[in-house]
Amino acid sequence: MPLLFTLKLYTTAPCHLCDDAHQLLRQLSLPNTINLIEIAEDDALLARYGTSIPVLQRADNDQELYWPFTKDQVLSFIKP
């Protein structure tokens, strides 16, 4: 069972890859809360993630998983 912590999905609109990543996360029915973070609203986030979104981040330890990622990679990523 994965630990319960918040996940952040760095995204922007329109972004079909971000939509794909969000859909994949919804399919997993994770018990974790997933916050969508719009990078266009923050210059620092835009500079950091502008060419690499979507990026999934664990709020408990700030580890990041860059797209493309699979269901199995996400499940491994959220394990303790």
N, C-alpha and C. Protein backbone atom coordinates (compact mmCIF):
# COMPACT_ATOMS: atom_id res chain seq x y z
N MET A 1 0.84 -1.17 0.00
CA MET A 1 0.00 0.00 0.00
C MET A 1 0.89 1.25 0.00
N PRO A 2 0.67 2.17 -0.94
CA PRO A 2 1.50 3.37 -0.98
C PRO A 2 1.23 4.27 0.22
N LEU A 3 2.25 5.02 0.58
CA LEU A 3 2.08 6.00 1.64
C LEU A 3 1.17 7.11 1.14
N LEU A 4 0.48 7.75 2.07
CA LEU A 4 -0.37 8.86 1.69
C LEU A 4 0.40 10.17 1.82
N PHE A 5 0.66 10.77 0.72
CA PHE A 5 1.28 12.08 0.65
C PHE A 5 0.78 12.72 -0.62
N THR A 6 0.94 14.01 -0.71
CA THR A 6 0.47 14.73 -1.88
C THR A 6 1.45 14.55 -3.04
N LEU A 7 0.88 14.41 -4.20
CA LEU A 7 1.65 14.42 -5.44
C LEU A 7 1.34 15.72 -6.17
N LYS A 8 2.35 16.28 -6.80
CA LYS A 8 2.16 17.48 -7.61
C LYS A 8 2.42 17.11 -9.06
N LEU A 9 1.52 17.52 -9.93
CA LEU A 9 1.72 17.33 -11.35
C LEU A 9 1.89 18.71 -11.97
N TYR A 10 3.12 19.00 -12.38
CA TYR A 10 3.40 20.28 -13.03
C TYR A 10 2.91 20.21 -14.47
N THR A 11 2.13 21.19 -14.86
CA THR A 11 1.41 21.14 -16.13
C THR A 11 1.18 22.55 -16.65
N THR A 12 0.64 22.65 -17.84
CA THR A 12 0.16 23.90 -18.39
C THR A 12 -0.92 23.58 -19.40
N ALA A 13 -1.66 24.57 -19.80
CA ALA A 13 -2.73 24.35 -20.78
C ALA A 13 -2.51 25.26 -21.96
N PRO A 14 -2.71 24.83 -23.15
CA PRO A 14 -2.99 23.44 -23.52
C PRO A 14 -1.72 22.61 -23.57
N CYS A 15 -1.83 21.36 -23.17
CA CYS A 15 -0.68 20.44 -23.19
C CYS A 15 -1.23 19.01 -23.25
N HIS A 16 -1.19 18.41 -24.43
CA HIS A 16 -1.76 17.07 -24.58
C HIS A 16 -0.97 16.04 -23.78
N LEU A 17 0.33 16.23 -23.61
CA LEU A 17 1.11 15.30 -22.80
C LEU A 17 0.71 15.39 -21.33
N CYS A 18 0.43 16.61 -20.88
CA CYS A 18 -0.03 16.80 -19.50
C CYS A 18 -1.39 16.14 -19.30
N ASP A 19 -2.25 16.28 -20.29
CA ASP A 19 -3.56 15.62 -20.23
C ASP A 19 -3.40 14.11 -20.16
N ASP A 20 -2.47 13.57 -20.95
CA ASP A 20 -2.21 12.13 -20.94
C ASP A 20 -1.71 11.67 -19.56
N ALA A 21 -0.80 12.45 -18.98
CA ALA A 21 -0.25 12.10 -17.66
C ALA A 21 -1.34 12.15 -16.60
N HIS A 22 -2.17 13.17 -16.64
CA HIS A 22 -3.25 13.29 -15.66
C HIS A 22 -4.24 12.14 -15.80
N GLN A 23 -4.55 11.77 -17.02
CA GLN A 23 -5.46 10.65 -17.25
C GLN A 23 -4.86 9.35 -16.72
N LEU A 24 -3.58 9.13 -16.95
CA LEU A 24 -2.91 7.94 -16.44
C LEU A 24 -3.00 7.89 -14.91
N LEU A 25 -2.78 9.03 -14.25
CA LEU A 25 -2.86 9.07 -12.79
C LEU A 25 -4.28 8.79 -12.30
N ARG A 26 -5.26 9.31 -13.00
CA ARG A 26 -6.66 9.04 -12.62
C ARG A 26 -6.99 7.56 -12.77
N GLN A 27 -6.46 6.92 -13.80
CA GLN A 27 -6.72 5.49 -14.02
C GLN A 27 -6.17 4.63 -12.89
N LEU A 28 -5.12 5.11 -12.25
CA LEU A 28 -4.51 4.34 -11.16
C LEU A 28 -5.33 4.40 -9.88
N SER A 29 -6.26 5.34 -9.77
CA SER A 29 -7.09 5.50 -8.57
C SER A 29 -6.23 5.52 -7.31
N LEU A 30 -5.22 6.36 -7.32
CA LEU A 30 -4.31 6.46 -6.19
C LEU A 30 -5.01 7.07 -4.98
N PRO A 31 -4.65 6.62 -3.79
CA PRO A 31 -5.21 7.24 -2.59
C PRO A 31 -4.58 8.61 -2.32
N ASN A 32 -3.49 8.91 -2.99
CA ASN A 32 -2.79 10.18 -2.80
C ASN A 32 -3.58 11.33 -3.41
N THR A 33 -3.46 12.49 -2.80
CA THR A 33 -4.00 13.70 -3.39
C THR A 33 -3.07 14.15 -4.49
N ILE A 34 -3.64 14.54 -5.63
CA ILE A 34 -2.83 15.02 -6.75
C ILE A 34 -3.20 16.47 -7.02
N ASN A 35 -2.23 17.35 -6.82
CA ASN A 35 -2.42 18.77 -7.09
C ASN A 35 -1.84 19.10 -8.46
N LEU A 36 -2.66 19.71 -9.29
CA LEU A 36 -2.19 20.18 -10.59
C LEU A 36 -1.60 21.57 -10.40
N ILE A 37 -0.35 21.73 -10.80
CA ILE A 37 0.34 23.00 -10.64
C ILE A 37 0.54 23.61 -12.02
N GLU A 38 -0.07 24.76 -12.25
CA GLU A 38 0.02 25.48 -13.52
C GLU A 38 1.32 26.28 -13.54
N ILE A 39 2.26 25.88 -14.39
CA ILE A 39 3.57 26.52 -14.39
C ILE A 39 3.55 27.91 -15.02
N ALA A 40 2.57 28.18 -15.89
CA ALA A 40 2.53 29.48 -16.58
C ALA A 40 2.24 30.63 -15.62
N GLU A 41 1.76 30.34 -14.43
CA GLU A 41 1.42 31.37 -13.46
C GLU A 41 2.59 31.76 -12.56
N ASP A 42 3.74 31.11 -12.75
CA ASP A 42 4.90 31.36 -11.90
C ASP A 42 6.16 31.35 -12.77
N ASP A 43 6.84 32.47 -12.84
CA ASP A 43 8.03 32.58 -13.70
C ASP A 43 9.11 31.56 -13.35
N ALA A 44 9.31 31.30 -12.06
CA ALA A 44 10.33 30.34 -11.64
C ALA A 44 9.97 28.92 -12.10
N LEU A 45 8.70 28.56 -11.95
CA LEU A 45 8.26 27.23 -12.40
C LEU A 45 8.33 27.13 -13.92
N LEU A 46 7.97 28.18 -14.60
CA LEU A 46 8.04 28.19 -16.06
C LEU A 46 9.48 28.01 -16.52
N ALA A 47 10.42 28.67 -15.87
CA ALA A 47 11.83 28.52 -16.23
C ALA A 47 12.33 27.11 -15.94
N ARG A 48 11.86 26.54 -14.84
CA ARG A 48 12.34 25.21 -14.42
C ARG A 48 11.73 24.07 -15.25
N TYR A 49 10.41 24.15 -15.51
CA TYR A 49 9.70 23.03 -16.12
C TYR A 49 9.19 23.30 -17.53
N GLY A 50 9.44 24.48 -18.07
CA GLY A 50 8.85 24.89 -19.34
C GLY A 50 9.09 23.94 -20.50
N THR A 51 10.21 23.24 -20.51
CA THR A 51 10.50 22.32 -21.61
C THR A 51 10.43 20.86 -21.20
N SER A 52 9.96 20.59 -19.98
CA SER A 52 9.98 19.20 -19.52
C SER A 52 8.65 18.69 -18.96
N ILE A 53 7.60 19.52 -18.99
CA ILE A 53 6.32 19.07 -18.44
C ILE A 53 5.72 17.98 -19.32
N PRO A 54 4.91 17.14 -18.73
CA PRO A 54 4.51 17.05 -17.34
C PRO A 54 5.58 16.42 -16.45
N VAL A 55 5.60 16.87 -15.22
CA VAL A 55 6.52 16.33 -14.21
C VAL A 55 5.70 16.03 -12.96
N LEU A 56 5.88 14.82 -12.44
CA LEU A 56 5.22 14.40 -11.22
C LEU A 56 6.21 14.53 -10.08
N GLN A 57 5.78 15.15 -8.98
CA GLN A 57 6.68 15.36 -7.84
C GLN A 57 6.00 14.86 -6.56
N ARG A 58 6.80 14.19 -5.73
CA ARG A 58 6.34 13.78 -4.41
C ARG A 58 6.52 14.96 -3.46
N ALA A 59 5.48 15.33 -2.75
CA ALA A 59 5.57 16.46 -1.83
C ALA A 59 6.35 16.11 -0.56
N ASP A 60 6.46 14.83 -0.24
CA ASP A 60 7.15 14.44 0.99
C ASP A 60 8.66 14.51 0.88
N ASN A 61 9.21 14.33 -0.34
CA ASN A 61 10.67 14.33 -0.48
C ASN A 61 11.15 15.07 -1.73
N ASP A 62 10.25 15.66 -2.47
CA ASP A 62 10.55 16.46 -3.68
C ASP A 62 11.17 15.66 -4.83
N GLN A 63 11.13 14.32 -4.77
CA GLN A 63 11.60 13.53 -5.91
C GLN A 63 10.69 13.80 -7.09
N GLU A 64 11.27 13.73 -8.29
CA GLU A 64 10.49 14.03 -9.49
C GLU A 64 10.57 12.88 -10.49
N LEU A 65 9.47 12.70 -11.20
CA LEU A 65 9.37 11.71 -12.26
C LEU A 65 8.95 12.46 -13.52
N TYR A 66 9.81 12.39 -14.53
CA TYR A 66 9.58 13.14 -15.77
C TYR A 66 8.88 12.28 -16.80
N TRP A 67 8.03 12.91 -17.57
CA TRP A 67 7.31 12.27 -18.66
C TRP A 67 8.29 11.91 -19.76
N PRO A 68 8.13 10.77 -20.42
CA PRO A 68 7.01 9.84 -20.31
C PRO A 68 7.21 8.86 -19.16
N PHE A 69 6.13 8.58 -18.43
CA PHE A 69 6.16 7.57 -17.40
C PHE A 69 4.96 6.64 -17.56
N THR A 70 5.16 5.42 -17.06
CA THR A 70 4.14 4.39 -17.18
C THR A 70 3.44 4.20 -15.83
N LYS A 71 2.36 3.44 -15.84
CA LYS A 71 1.67 3.12 -14.60
C LYS A 71 2.61 2.44 -13.61
N ASP A 72 3.40 1.48 -14.09
CA ASP A 72 4.32 0.77 -13.21
C ASP A 72 5.38 1.71 -12.63
N GLN A 73 5.85 2.65 -13.43
CA GLN A 73 6.84 3.61 -12.93
C GLN A 73 6.23 4.50 -11.86
N VAL A 74 4.99 4.91 -12.03
CA VAL A 74 4.32 5.73 -11.02
C VAL A 74 4.16 4.93 -9.72
N LEU A 75 3.73 3.68 -9.83
CA LEU A 75 3.55 2.86 -8.63
C LEU A 75 4.87 2.65 -7.90
N SER A 76 5.96 2.46 -8.62
CA SER A 76 7.27 2.35 -8.00
C SER A 76 7.70 3.67 -7.37
N PHE A 77 7.38 4.75 -8.04
CA PHE A 77 7.75 6.10 -7.60
C PHE A 77 7.10 6.46 -6.27
N ILE A 78 5.89 5.99 -6.03
CA ILE A 78 5.19 6.37 -4.80
C ILE A 78 5.42 5.40 -3.64
N LYS A 79 6.17 4.33 -3.89
CA LYS A 79 6.48 3.41 -2.79
C LYS A 79 7.51 4.05 -1.85
N PRO A 80 7.45 3.67 -0.57
CA PRO A 80 8.41 4.22 0.40
C PRO A 80 9.84 3.81 0.09
